[in-house]
Amino acid sequence: MVKLGIVGNGVDLALKLGTSLKEDFPKFVSEYGEGGFLTNLYFNDNKNLWGEFETRVGIIGEEFARIIGSESKSEKEILHSIGREQSFLEKEIEDQGYGELEIENVAVDHVRANFSLENISEVTEINEANKIIDSALSEMVTAANKKIETYSYKNIDEILECDWFINFNYTYTLEELNVPKNRILYLHGNLEEELIWGNTVDNVMDKNNWKLMGDDYLTAGAYKYFREKHIENTAKKLQIEKMDTFLEKINNEIDEIYVLGHSVSEPDIEYFRDLDASFPEAKWFVYNTDETVCDNLKTIGINSEYRGKLSVDVIQ
């Protein structure tokens, strides 16, 4: 009987490592003086929404979208540049069957080679804020790793009974609990690698009010570059191939899958769909604070058994 554990932030929370995205992470962000800015940017000035970090990051709040959409000097320069480029291209290729949108896209590509949208101060602030998320996450993980080195635990069998682990956390929790490193996949990285975080590409693309950021035809074109860069910076890059390579190492023999403290939320749902396709006969079990995770799994055709919340005695 081979068991695979899928480890989410609920494990580190059960071990009291201070990794709550709602309560702990904003404190690390605030050390950079950007807590209020990020709350306004992605969470509509609602601090409670930090708990939904991965499903909201990258989706710019309407108030800030209006600021971006205001006509700064730099924006007007971009619009004029694209307008001139379009006029030139329309004359040059009018007989080649290109449509208006194709011409606009070519114009934007030409202009962005010579003019950076980063000159708009609001865009620069967003880019810097995303870098701060990286730094604050690293600091929170470092603090959590230090805590687990000094803590001890009882009644931890629920977490450790698996043979292999796919770890969505960045912490070294499992290694500190004496799980061999070669049996752990750090799917989204750790302090020795890039920390992978973010929303889905579809959410960042579809739920942003690009029209509000610039509601005339040329402005929409001007923000083509910004859209591309913003999606690149805030959409999580799926690591399906990395996960499949790990599963090949264990000969794809999995009988039971345990979801340990993972919410199975939208940004990660594709991993679970892939696991189900790889192990269609495996039985699924869930340890979490409530049965919502079972409902989330059911939306992609996975039936699971709810085993209750993770219950660990922490000795500090």
C-alpha atoms as a PDB file:
ATOM      1  CA  MET A   1       0.000   0.000   0.000  1.00  0.00           C
ATOM      2  CA  VAL A   2       1.764   3.146  -1.256  1.00  0.00           C
ATOM      3  CA  LYS A   3       0.547   6.468   0.147  1.00  0.00           C
ATOM      4  CA  LEU A   4       1.104   9.943  -1.333  1.00  0.00           C
ATOM      5  CA  GLY A   5       0.699  13.058   0.824  1.00  0.00           C
ATOM      6  CA  ILE A   6      -0.285  16.417  -0.687  1.00  0.00           C
ATOM      7  CA  VAL A   7       0.914  19.019   1.808  1.00  0.00           C
ATOM      8  CA  GLY A   8      -0.583  22.507   2.006  1.00  0.00           C
ATOM      9  CA  ASN A   9      -0.262  25.487   4.323  1.00  0.00           C
ATOM     10  CA  GLY A  10      -2.726  23.934   6.771  1.00  0.00           C
ATOM     11  CA  VAL A  11       0.084  21.643   7.935  1.00  0.00           C
ATOM     12  CA  ASP A  12       2.377  24.538   8.852  1.00  0.00           C
ATOM     13  CA  LEU A  13      -0.550  26.307  10.514  1.00  0.00           C
ATOM     14  CA  ALA A  14      -1.343  23.196  12.574  1.00  0.00           C
ATOM     15  CA  LEU A  15       2.297  23.169  13.672  1.00  0.00           C
ATOM     16  CA  LYS A  16       1.971  26.864  14.674  1.00  0.00           C
ATOM     17  CA  LEU A  17       4.709  28.110  12.350  1.00  0.00           C
ATOM     18  CA  GLY A  18       3.153  31.519  11.672  1.00  0.00           C
ATOM     19  CA  THR A  19       2.446  31.150   7.945  1.00  0.00           C
ATOM     20  CA  SER A  20      -1.104  32.519   7.763  1.00  0.00           C
ATOM     21  CA  LEU A  21      -1.536  34.580   4.591  1.00  0.00           C
ATOM     22  CA  LYS A  22      -4.230  36.603   6.362  1.00  0.00           C
ATOM     23  CA  GLU A  23      -2.606  37.186   9.767  1.00  0.00           C
ATOM     24  CA  ASP A  24       1.159  36.696   9.372  1.00  0.00           C
ATOM     25  CA  PHE A  25       2.159  37.489   5.794  1.00  0.00           C
ATOM     26  CA  PRO A  26       0.887  41.123   5.806  1.00  0.00           C
ATOM     27  CA  LYS A  27       3.176  41.820   8.784  1.00  0.00           C
ATOM     28  CA  PHE A  28       6.223  40.840   6.746  1.00  0.00           C
ATOM     29  CA  VAL A  29       4.994  42.928   3.811  1.00  0.00           C
ATOM     30  CA  SER A  30       4.487  45.919   6.135  1.00  0.00           C
ATOM     31  CA  GLU A  31       8.168  45.859   7.065  1.00  0.00           C
ATOM     32  CA  TYR A  32       8.768  47.260   3.581  1.00  0.00           C
ATOM     33  CA  GLY A  33       6.175  49.978   4.117  1.00  0.00           C
ATOM     34  CA  GLU A  34       3.974  48.487   1.388  1.00  0.00           C
ATOM     35  CA  GLY A  35       1.229  46.764   3.381  1.00  0.00           C
ATOM     36  CA  GLY A  36      -1.345  49.471   2.731  1.00  0.00           C
ATOM     37  CA  PHE A  37      -0.342  49.828  -0.911  1.00  0.00           C
ATOM     38  CA  LEU A  38      -0.741  46.120  -1.636  1.00  0.00           C
ATOM     39  CA  THR A  39      -4.027  45.966   0.284  1.00  0.00           C
ATOM     40  CA  ASN A  40      -5.335  48.771  -1.924  1.00  0.00           C
ATOM     41  CA  LEU A  41      -3.826  47.305  -5.087  1.00  0.00           C
ATOM     42  CA  TYR A  42      -5.096  43.721  -4.974  1.00  0.00           C
ATOM     43  CA  PHE A  43      -7.580  43.506  -2.091  1.00  0.00           C
ATOM     44  CA  ASN A  44      -9.828  46.563  -2.559  1.00  0.00           C
ATOM     45  CA  ASP A  45      -8.535  48.010   0.725  1.00  0.00           C
ATOM     46  CA  ASN A  46      -9.978  45.026   2.645  1.00  0.00           C
ATOM     47  CA  LYS A  47      -7.358  43.456   4.927  1.00  0.00           C
ATOM     48  CA  ASN A  48      -9.526  40.374   5.433  1.00  0.00           C
ATOM     49  CA  LEU A  49      -9.015  39.439   1.787  1.00  0.00           C
ATOM     50  CA  TRP A  50      -5.314  38.710   2.346  1.00  0.00           C
ATOM     51  CA  GLY A  51      -6.506  35.214   3.282  1.00  0.00           C
ATOM     52  CA  GLU A  52      -7.517  34.789  -0.375  1.00  0.00           C
ATOM     53  CA  PHE A  53      -4.058  35.858  -1.539  1.00  0.00           C
ATOM     54  CA  GLU A  54      -3.531  33.463  -4.442  1.00  0.00           C
ATOM     55  CA  THR A  55      -6.996  33.938  -5.948  1.00  0.00           C
ATOM     56  CA  ARG A  56      -6.773  37.751  -5.769  1.00  0.00           C
ATOM     57  CA  VAL A  57      -3.138  38.643  -6.380  1.00  0.00           C
ATOM     58  CA  GLY A  58      -2.684  40.111  -9.842  1.00  0.00           C
ATOM     59  CA  ILE A  59      -6.279  41.370 -10.024  1.00  0.00           C
ATOM     60  CA  ILE A  60      -5.968  45.129  -9.668  1.00  0.00           C
ATOM     61  CA  GLY A  61      -8.657  46.860  -7.620  1.00  0.00           C
ATOM     62  CA  GLU A  62     -10.921  49.328  -9.411  1.00  0.00           C
ATOM     63  CA  GLU A  63      -9.701  52.358  -7.482  1.00  0.00           C
ATOM     64  CA  PHE A  64      -6.104  51.704  -8.480  1.00  0.00           C
ATOM     65  CA  ALA A  65      -7.144  50.804 -12.031  1.00  0.00           C
ATOM     66  CA  ARG A  66      -8.616  54.292 -12.378  1.00  0.00           C
ATOM     67  CA  ILE A  67      -5.321  55.811 -11.225  1.00  0.00           C
ATOM     68  CA  ILE A  68      -3.456  53.816 -13.854  1.00  0.00           C
ATOM     69  CA  GLY A  69      -6.001  54.889 -16.451  1.00  0.00           C
ATOM     70  CA  SER A  70      -5.548  58.596 -15.757  1.00  0.00           C
ATOM     71  CA  GLU A  71      -3.791  60.361 -18.594  1.00  0.00           C
ATOM     72  CA  SER A  72      -0.278  61.056 -17.411  1.00  0.00           C
ATOM     73  CA  LYS A  73       2.260  62.762 -19.643  1.00  0.00           C
ATOM     74  CA  SER A  74       3.988  59.441 -20.207  1.00  0.00           C
ATOM     75  CA  GLU A  75       0.745  57.786 -21.236  1.00  0.00           C
ATOM     76  CA  LYS A  76       0.001  60.505 -23.769  1.00  0.00           C
ATOM     77  CA  GLU A  77       3.460  60.039 -25.232  1.00  0.00           C
ATOM     78  CA  ILE A  78       2.741  56.329 -25.632  1.00  0.00           C
ATOM     79  CA  LEU A  79      -0.631  56.992 -27.255  1.00  0.00           C
ATOM     80  CA  HIS A  80       0.841  59.461 -29.699  1.00  0.00           C
ATOM     81  CA  SER A  81       3.695  57.102 -30.526  1.00  0.00           C
ATOM     82  CA  ILE A  82       1.326  54.212 -31.191  1.00  0.00           C
ATOM     83  CA  GLY A  83      -0.991  56.438 -33.198  1.00  0.00           C
ATOM     84  CA  ARG A  84       1.869  57.598 -35.416  1.00  0.00           C
ATOM     85  CA  GLU A  85       3.092  54.024 -35.816  1.00  0.00           C
ATOM     86  CA  GLN A  86      -0.391  52.810 -36.758  1.00  0.00           C
ATOM     87  CA  SER A  87      -0.832  55.534 -39.362  1.00  0.00           C
ATOM     88  CA  PHE A  88       2.508  54.637 -40.897  1.00  0.00           C
ATOM     89  CA  LEU A  89       1.769  50.901 -40.921  1.00  0.00           C
ATOM     90  CA  GLU A  90      -1.703  51.366 -42.382  1.00  0.00           C
ATOM     91  CA  LYS A  91      -0.180  53.148 -45.369  1.00  0.00           C
ATOM     92  CA  GLU A  92       2.644  50.630 -45.731  1.00  0.00           C
ATOM     93  CA  ILE A  93       0.577  47.426 -45.591  1.00  0.00           C
ATOM     94  CA  GLU A  94      -2.948  48.534 -46.543  1.00  0.00           C
ATOM     95  CA  ASP A  95      -2.992  46.213 -49.553  1.00  0.00           C
ATOM     96  CA  GLN A  96      -1.851  43.087 -47.665  1.00  0.00           C
ATOM     97  CA  GLY A  97      -5.157  42.223 -46.019  1.00  0.00           C
ATOM     98  CA  TYR A  98      -4.239  43.015 -42.396  1.00  0.00           C
ATOM     99  CA  GLY A  99      -7.026  44.013 -40.015  1.00  0.00           C
ATOM    100  CA  GLU A 100      -7.030  46.956 -37.589  1.00  0.00           C
ATOM    101  CA  LEU A 101      -6.213  44.800 -34.546  1.00  0.00           C
ATOM    102  CA  GLU A 102      -3.247  43.155 -36.288  1.00  0.00           C
ATOM    103  CA  ILE A 103      -1.900  46.557 -37.292  1.00  0.00           C
ATOM    104  CA  GLU A 104      -2.377  47.853 -33.739  1.00  0.00           C
ATOM    105  CA  ASN A 105      -0.485  44.891 -32.266  1.00  0.00           C
ATOM    106  CA  VAL A 106       2.431  45.441 -34.610  1.00  0.00           C
ATOM    107  CA  ALA A 107       2.404  49.148 -33.717  1.00  0.00           C
ATOM    108  CA  VAL A 108       2.511  48.371 -30.002  1.00  0.00           C
ATOM    109  CA  ASP A 109       5.417  45.968 -30.503  1.00  0.00           C
ATOM    110  CA  HIS A 110       7.345  48.607 -32.433  1.00  0.00           C
ATOM    111  CA  VAL A 111       6.734  51.314 -29.867  1.00  0.00           C
ATOM    112  CA  ARG A 112       7.564  49.234 -26.804  1.00  0.00           C
ATOM    113  CA  ALA A 113      10.993  48.525 -28.282  1.00  0.00           C
ATOM    114  CA  ASN A 114      11.756  52.231 -27.892  1.00  0.00           C
ATOM    115  CA  PHE A 115       9.537  53.355 -25.013  1.00  0.00           C
ATOM    116  CA  SER A 116       9.005  51.644 -21.684  1.00  0.00           C
ATOM    117  CA  LEU A 117       5.593  51.679 -20.022  1.00  0.00           C
ATOM    118  CA  GLU A 118       7.561  51.377 -16.811  1.00  0.00           C
ATOM    119  CA  ASN A 119       7.970  55.161 -17.105  1.00  0.00           C
ATOM    120  CA  ILE A 120       4.446  55.454 -15.733  1.00  0.00           C
ATOM    121  CA  SER A 121       4.939  55.734 -11.970  1.00  0.00           C
ATOM    122  CA  GLU A 122       1.913  53.573 -11.091  1.00  0.00           C
ATOM    123  CA  VAL A 123       3.243  50.713 -13.236  1.00  0.00           C
ATOM    124  CA  THR A 124       6.638  51.013 -11.551  1.00  0.00           C
ATOM    125  CA  GLU A 125       4.954  50.829  -8.136  1.00  0.00           C
ATOM    126  CA  ILE A 126       3.139  47.628  -9.112  1.00  0.00           C
ATOM    127  CA  ASN A 127       6.341  46.002 -10.336  1.00  0.00           C
ATOM    128  CA  GLU A 128       8.140  46.937  -7.114  1.00  0.00           C
ATOM    129  CA  ALA A 129       5.226  45.661  -5.023  1.00  0.00           C
ATOM    130  CA  ASN A 130       5.428  42.265  -6.723  1.00  0.00           C
ATOM    131  CA  LYS A 131       9.146  42.091  -5.892  1.00  0.00           C
ATOM    132  CA  ILE A 132       8.282  42.867  -2.266  1.00  0.00           C
ATOM    133  CA  ILE A 133       5.879  39.907  -2.210  1.00  0.00           C
ATOM    134  CA  ASP A 134       8.848  37.698  -3.117  1.00  0.00           C
ATOM    135  CA  SER A 135      11.011  39.154  -0.361  1.00  0.00           C
ATOM    136  CA  ALA A 136       8.276  39.048   2.301  1.00  0.00           C
ATOM    137  CA  LEU A 137       7.455  35.423   1.476  1.00  0.00           C
ATOM    138  CA  SER A 138      11.122  34.482   1.850  1.00  0.00           C
ATOM    139  CA  GLU A 139      11.294  36.185   5.244  1.00  0.00           C
ATOM    140  CA  MET A 140       8.119  34.481   6.483  1.00  0.00           C
ATOM    141  CA  VAL A 141       9.456  31.082   5.376  1.00  0.00           C
ATOM    142  CA  THR A 142      12.805  31.756   7.059  1.00  0.00           C
ATOM    143  CA  ALA A 143      11.026  32.613  10.315  1.00  0.00           C
ATOM    144  CA  ALA A 144       8.882  29.461  10.080  1.00  0.00           C
ATOM    145  CA  ASN A 145      11.938  27.266   9.487  1.00  0.00           C
ATOM    146  CA  LYS A 146      13.569  28.690  12.607  1.00  0.00           C
ATOM    147  CA  LYS A 147      10.457  27.971  14.680  1.00  0.00           C
ATOM    148  CA  ILE A 148      10.201  24.322  13.717  1.00  0.00           C
ATOM    149  CA  GLU A 149      13.840  23.797  14.690  1.00  0.00           C
ATOM    150  CA  THR A 150      12.926  24.690  18.273  1.00  0.00           C
ATOM    151  CA  TYR A 151       9.483  23.039  18.526  1.00  0.00           C
ATOM    152  CA  SER A 152       8.586  19.410  19.193  1.00  0.00           C
ATOM    153  CA  TYR A 153       5.316  17.635  18.448  1.00  0.00           C
ATOM    154  CA  LYS A 154       3.035  14.830  19.586  1.00  0.00           C
ATOM    155  CA  ASN A 155       0.226  13.068  17.704  1.00  0.00           C
ATOM    156  CA  ILE A 156       1.743  13.833  14.335  1.00  0.00           C
ATOM    157  CA  ASP A 157       1.138  10.442  12.715  1.00  0.00           C
ATOM    158  CA  GLU A 158      -1.571  11.813  10.411  1.00  0.00           C
ATOM    159  CA  ILE A 159       1.066  13.869   8.620  1.00  0.00           C
ATOM    160  CA  LEU A 160       3.884  11.341   8.593  1.00  0.00           C
ATOM    161  CA  GLU A 161       2.081   8.141   7.612  1.00  0.00           C
ATOM    162  CA  CYS A 162       2.640   8.744   3.873  1.00  0.00           C
ATOM    163  CA  ASP A 163       5.507   7.272   1.853  1.00  0.00           C
ATOM    164  CA  TRP A 164       5.962  10.176  -0.562  1.00  0.00           C
ATOM    165  CA  PHE A 165       5.067  13.869  -0.403  1.00  0.00           C
ATOM    166  CA  ILE A 166       4.209  16.608  -2.865  1.00  0.00           C
ATOM    167  CA  ASN A 167       4.818  19.733  -0.809  1.00  0.00           C
ATOM    168  CA  PHE A 168       3.078  22.951  -1.854  1.00  0.00           C
ATOM    169  CA  ASN A 169       4.745  24.784   1.057  1.00  0.00           C
ATOM    170  CA  TYR A 170       8.120  26.520   0.898  1.00  0.00           C
ATOM    171  CA  THR A 171       9.199  25.448   4.395  1.00  0.00           C
ATOM    172  CA  TYR A 172      11.460  22.560   5.401  1.00  0.00           C
ATOM    173  CA  THR A 173       8.818  21.238   7.798  1.00  0.00           C
ATOM    174  CA  LEU A 174       8.820  17.672   6.486  1.00  0.00           C
ATOM    175  CA  GLU A 175      12.602  17.392   6.589  1.00  0.00           C
ATOM    176  CA  GLU A 176      12.633  18.656  10.173  1.00  0.00           C
ATOM    177  CA  LEU A 177      10.099  15.918  10.956  1.00  0.00           C
ATOM    178  CA  ASN A 178      12.648  13.401   9.621  1.00  0.00           C
ATOM    179  CA  VAL A 179      11.081  12.721   6.236  1.00  0.00           C
ATOM    180  CA  PRO A 180      13.951  11.882   3.813  1.00  0.00           C
ATOM    181  CA  LYS A 181      14.520  14.731   1.353  1.00  0.00           C
ATOM    182  CA  ASN A 182      14.445  12.389  -1.640  1.00  0.00           C
ATOM    183  CA  ARG A 183      10.839  11.521  -0.784  1.00  0.00           C
ATOM    184  CA  ILE A 184       9.690  15.160  -0.946  1.00  0.00           C
ATOM    185  CA  LEU A 185       8.876  17.241  -4.016  1.00  0.00           C
ATOM    186  CA  TYR A 186       8.979  20.989  -3.311  1.00  0.00           C
ATOM    187  CA  LEU A 187       6.533  21.726  -6.098  1.00  0.00           C
ATOM    188  CA  HIS A 188       6.589  25.506  -5.687  1.00  0.00           C
ATOM    189  CA  GLY A 189      10.199  25.782  -4.575  1.00  0.00           C
ATOM    190  CA  ASN A 190      11.878  26.530  -1.266  1.00  0.00           C
ATOM    191  CA  LEU A 191      14.548  28.922  -0.003  1.00  0.00           C
ATOM    192  CA  GLU A 192      17.138  27.184  -2.175  1.00  0.00           C
ATOM    193  CA  GLU A 193      15.026  27.720  -5.298  1.00  0.00           C
ATOM    194  CA  GLU A 194      12.657  30.287  -6.784  1.00  0.00           C
ATOM    195  CA  LEU A 195       9.443  30.668  -4.771  1.00  0.00           C
ATOM    196  CA  ILE A 196       6.554  30.111  -7.173  1.00  0.00           C
ATOM    197  CA  TRP A 197       3.367  31.960  -6.242  1.00  0.00           C
ATOM    198  CA  GLY A 198       0.459  33.612  -7.989  1.00  0.00           C
ATOM    199  CA  ASN A 199      -2.983  33.377  -9.491  1.00  0.00           C
ATOM    200  CA  THR A 200      -4.110  31.529 -12.608  1.00  0.00           C
ATOM    201  CA  VAL A 201      -3.363  33.064 -16.008  1.00  0.00           C
ATOM    202  CA  ASP A 202      -7.096  33.066 -16.807  1.00  0.00           C
ATOM    203  CA  ASN A 203      -7.984  34.956 -13.616  1.00  0.00           C
ATOM    204  CA  VAL A 204      -5.340  37.638 -14.135  1.00  0.00           C
ATOM    205  CA  MET A 205      -6.297  38.016 -17.784  1.00  0.00           C
ATOM    206  CA  ASP A 206     -10.087  37.864 -17.471  1.00  0.00           C
ATOM    207  CA  LYS A 207     -10.841  39.506 -14.112  1.00  0.00           C
ATOM    208  CA  ASN A 208      -8.764  42.650 -14.525  1.00  0.00           C
ATOM    209  CA  ASN A 209     -10.666  45.685 -15.729  1.00  0.00           C
ATOM    210  CA  TRP A 210      -8.281  46.580 -18.553  1.00  0.00           C
ATOM    211  CA  LYS A 211     -10.941  48.860 -20.032  1.00  0.00           C
ATOM    212  CA  LEU A 212     -11.029  50.916 -16.834  1.00  0.00           C
ATOM    213  CA  MET A 213      -7.260  51.306 -17.005  1.00  0.00           C
ATOM    214  CA  GLY A 214      -7.671  52.927 -20.392  1.00  0.00           C
ATOM    215  CA  ASP A 215     -11.055  52.994 -22.056  1.00  0.00           C
ATOM    216  CA  ASP A 216     -10.330  54.183 -25.575  1.00  0.00           C
ATOM    217  CA  TYR A 217      -9.058  52.098 -28.464  1.00  0.00           C
ATOM    218  CA  LEU A 218      -5.496  53.369 -28.486  1.00  0.00           C
ATOM    219  CA  THR A 219      -5.092  53.113 -24.724  1.00  0.00           C
ATOM    220  CA  ALA A 220      -6.104  49.457 -24.845  1.00  0.00           C
ATOM    221  CA  GLY A 221      -3.310  48.943 -27.329  1.00  0.00           C
ATOM    222  CA  ALA A 222      -0.866  50.910 -25.226  1.00  0.00           C
ATOM    223  CA  TYR A 223      -1.456  48.578 -22.317  1.00  0.00           C
ATOM    224  CA  LYS A 224      -0.791  45.407 -24.313  1.00  0.00           C
ATOM    225  CA  TYR A 225       2.761  45.376 -23.001  1.00  0.00           C
ATOM    226  CA  PHE A 226       1.647  46.100 -19.430  1.00  0.00           C
ATOM    227  CA  ARG A 227      -0.873  43.251 -19.573  1.00  0.00           C
ATOM    228  CA  GLU A 228       1.761  40.806 -20.770  1.00  0.00           C
ATOM    229  CA  LYS A 229       4.264  41.819 -18.095  1.00  0.00           C
ATOM    230  CA  HIS A 230       1.644  41.859 -15.338  1.00  0.00           C
ATOM    231  CA  ILE A 231       0.449  38.357 -16.210  1.00  0.00           C
ATOM    232  CA  GLU A 232       4.054  37.162 -16.328  1.00  0.00           C
ATOM    233  CA  ASN A 233       4.728  38.633 -12.869  1.00  0.00           C
ATOM    234  CA  THR A 234       1.579  37.547 -11.026  1.00  0.00           C
ATOM    235  CA  ALA A 235       0.300  34.350 -12.678  1.00  0.00           C
ATOM    236  CA  LYS A 236       1.614  31.109 -11.233  1.00  0.00           C
ATOM    237  CA  LYS A 237       3.595  28.975 -13.644  1.00  0.00           C
ATOM    238  CA  LEU A 238       2.191  25.457 -13.392  1.00  0.00           C
ATOM    239  CA  GLN A 239       4.753  22.772 -12.573  1.00  0.00           C
ATOM    240  CA  ILE A 240       2.897  19.772 -14.003  1.00  0.00           C
ATOM    241  CA  GLU A 241       5.973  18.389 -15.770  1.00  0.00           C
ATOM    242  CA  LYS A 242       8.016  18.701 -12.570  1.00  0.00           C
ATOM    243  CA  MET A 243       5.348  16.788 -10.660  1.00  0.00           C
ATOM    244  CA  ASP A 244       5.043  14.073 -13.299  1.00  0.00           C
ATOM    245  CA  THR A 245       8.822  13.560 -13.283  1.00  0.00           C
ATOM    246  CA  PHE A 246       8.704  13.046  -9.510  1.00  0.00           C
ATOM    247  CA  LEU A 247       5.861  10.558  -9.845  1.00  0.00           C
ATOM    248  CA  GLU A 248       7.820   8.575 -12.435  1.00  0.00           C
ATOM    249  CA  LYS A 249      10.545   8.155  -9.808  1.00  0.00           C
ATOM    250  CA  ILE A 250       8.118   6.212  -7.641  1.00  0.00           C
ATOM    251  CA  ASN A 251       7.007   4.131 -10.635  1.00  0.00           C
ATOM    252  CA  ASN A 252       3.556   5.707 -10.613  1.00  0.00           C
ATOM    253  CA  GLU A 253       2.394   3.237  -7.967  1.00  0.00           C
ATOM    254  CA  ILE A 254       0.046   5.110  -5.641  1.00  0.00           C
ATOM    255  CA  ASP A 255      -2.861   3.440  -3.855  1.00  0.00           C
ATOM    256  CA  GLU A 256      -3.973   6.239  -1.523  1.00  0.00           C
ATOM    257  CA  ILE A 257      -3.689  10.023  -1.735  1.00  0.00           C
ATOM    258  CA  TYR A 258      -3.916  12.137   1.423  1.00  0.00           C
ATOM    259  CA  VAL A 259      -4.708  15.852   1.106  1.00  0.00           C
ATOM    260  CA  LEU A 260      -3.092  17.365   4.193  1.00  0.00           C
ATOM    261  CA  GLY A 261      -4.023  20.964   4.941  1.00  0.00           C
ATOM    262  CA  HIS A 262      -4.398  21.954   1.287  1.00  0.00           C
ATOM    263  CA  SER A 263      -7.430  23.997   0.229  1.00  0.00           C
ATOM    264  CA  VAL A 264      -7.532  22.673  -3.371  1.00  0.00           C
ATOM    265  CA  SER A 265      -8.284  26.210  -4.522  1.00  0.00           C
ATOM    266  CA  GLU A 266      -8.442  27.379  -8.115  1.00  0.00           C
ATOM    267  CA  PRO A 267      -4.752  28.254  -8.708  1.00  0.00           C
ATOM    268  CA  ASP A 268      -3.729  24.655  -7.890  1.00  0.00           C
ATOM    269  CA  ILE A 269      -6.707  22.697  -9.198  1.00  0.00           C
ATOM    270  CA  GLU A 270      -4.887  21.481 -12.331  1.00  0.00           C
ATOM    271  CA  TYR A 271      -2.394  19.526 -10.219  1.00  0.00           C
ATOM    272  CA  PHE A 272      -5.208  17.540  -8.646  1.00  0.00           C
ATOM    273  CA  ARG A 273      -6.827  16.912 -11.999  1.00  0.00           C
ATOM    274  CA  ASP A 274      -3.480  15.577 -13.245  1.00  0.00           C
ATOM    275  CA  LEU A 275      -3.053  13.345 -10.186  1.00  0.00           C
ATOM    276  CA  ASP A 276      -6.518  11.892 -10.678  1.00  0.00           C
ATOM    277  CA  ALA A 277      -5.735  11.118 -14.318  1.00  0.00           C
ATOM    278  CA  SER A 278      -2.448   9.467 -13.307  1.00  0.00           C
ATOM    279  CA  PHE A 279      -3.982   7.376 -10.492  1.00  0.00           C
ATOM    280  CA  PRO A 280      -7.638   6.799 -11.398  1.00  0.00           C
ATOM    281  CA  GLU A 281      -7.951   3.888  -8.955  1.00  0.00           C
ATOM    282  CA  ALA A 282      -6.406   5.675  -5.961  1.00  0.00           C
ATOM    283  CA  LYS A 283      -8.531   6.410  -2.909  1.00  0.00           C
ATOM    284  CA  TRP A 284      -8.526  10.013  -1.662  1.00  0.00           C
ATOM    285  CA  PHE A 285      -8.599  11.169   1.963  1.00  0.00           C
ATOM    286  CA  VAL A 286      -8.779  14.733   3.301  1.00  0.00           C
ATOM    287  CA  TYR A 287      -7.491  16.265   6.528  1.00  0.00           C
ATOM    288  CA  ASN A 288      -8.514  19.917   6.806  1.00  0.00           C
ATOM    289  CA  THR A 289     -10.469  22.323   8.971  1.00  0.00           C
ATOM    290  CA  ASP A 290     -13.747  21.502   7.175  1.00  0.00           C
ATOM    291  CA  GLU A 291     -15.238  19.473   4.318  1.00  0.00           C
ATOM    292  CA  THR A 292     -15.001  22.272   1.741  1.00  0.00           C
ATOM    293  CA  VAL A 293     -11.928  20.605   0.262  1.00  0.00           C
ATOM    294  CA  CYS A 294     -13.988  17.480  -0.481  1.00  0.00           C
ATOM    295  CA  ASP A 295     -16.471  19.696  -2.343  1.00  0.00           C
ATOM    296  CA  ASN A 296     -13.636  21.295  -4.330  1.00  0.00           C
ATOM    297  CA  LEU A 297     -12.299  17.878  -5.302  1.00  0.00           C
ATOM    298  CA  LYS A 298     -15.768  16.741  -6.330  1.00  0.00           C
ATOM    299  CA  THR A 299     -16.024  19.597  -8.858  1.00  0.00           C
ATOM    300  CA  ILE A 300     -13.279  17.863 -10.866  1.00  0.00           C
ATOM    301  CA  GLY A 301     -14.722  14.388 -10.411  1.00  0.00           C
ATOM    302  CA  ILE A 302     -12.703  13.215  -7.395  1.00  0.00           C
ATOM    303  CA  ASN A 303     -14.594  11.512  -4.572  1.00  0.00           C
ATOM    304  CA  SER A 304     -12.828  11.728  -1.215  1.00  0.00           C
ATOM    305  CA  GLU A 305     -13.327  10.772   2.413  1.00  0.00           C
ATOM    306  CA  TYR A 306     -13.136  13.536   5.026  1.00  0.00           C
ATOM    307  CA  ARG A 307     -11.018  12.478   8.006  1.00  0.00           C
ATOM    308  CA  GLY A 308     -11.307  15.659  10.085  1.00  0.00           C
ATOM    309  CA  LYS A 309      -8.896  18.455  10.863  1.00  0.00           C
ATOM    310  CA  LEU A 310      -5.206  17.997  11.546  1.00  0.00           C
ATOM    311  CA  SER A 311      -4.746  17.735  15.290  1.00  0.00           C
ATOM    312  CA  VAL A 312      -1.177  18.114  16.550  1.00  0.00           C
ATOM    313  CA  ASP A 313       0.139  18.826  20.044  1.00  0.00           C
ATOM    314  CA  VAL A 314       2.805  21.528  19.788  1.00  0.00           C
ATOM    315  CA  ILE A 315       5.468  21.754  22.495  1.00  0.00           C
ATOM    316  CA  GLN A 316       7.254  25.108  22.310  1.00  0.00           C
END
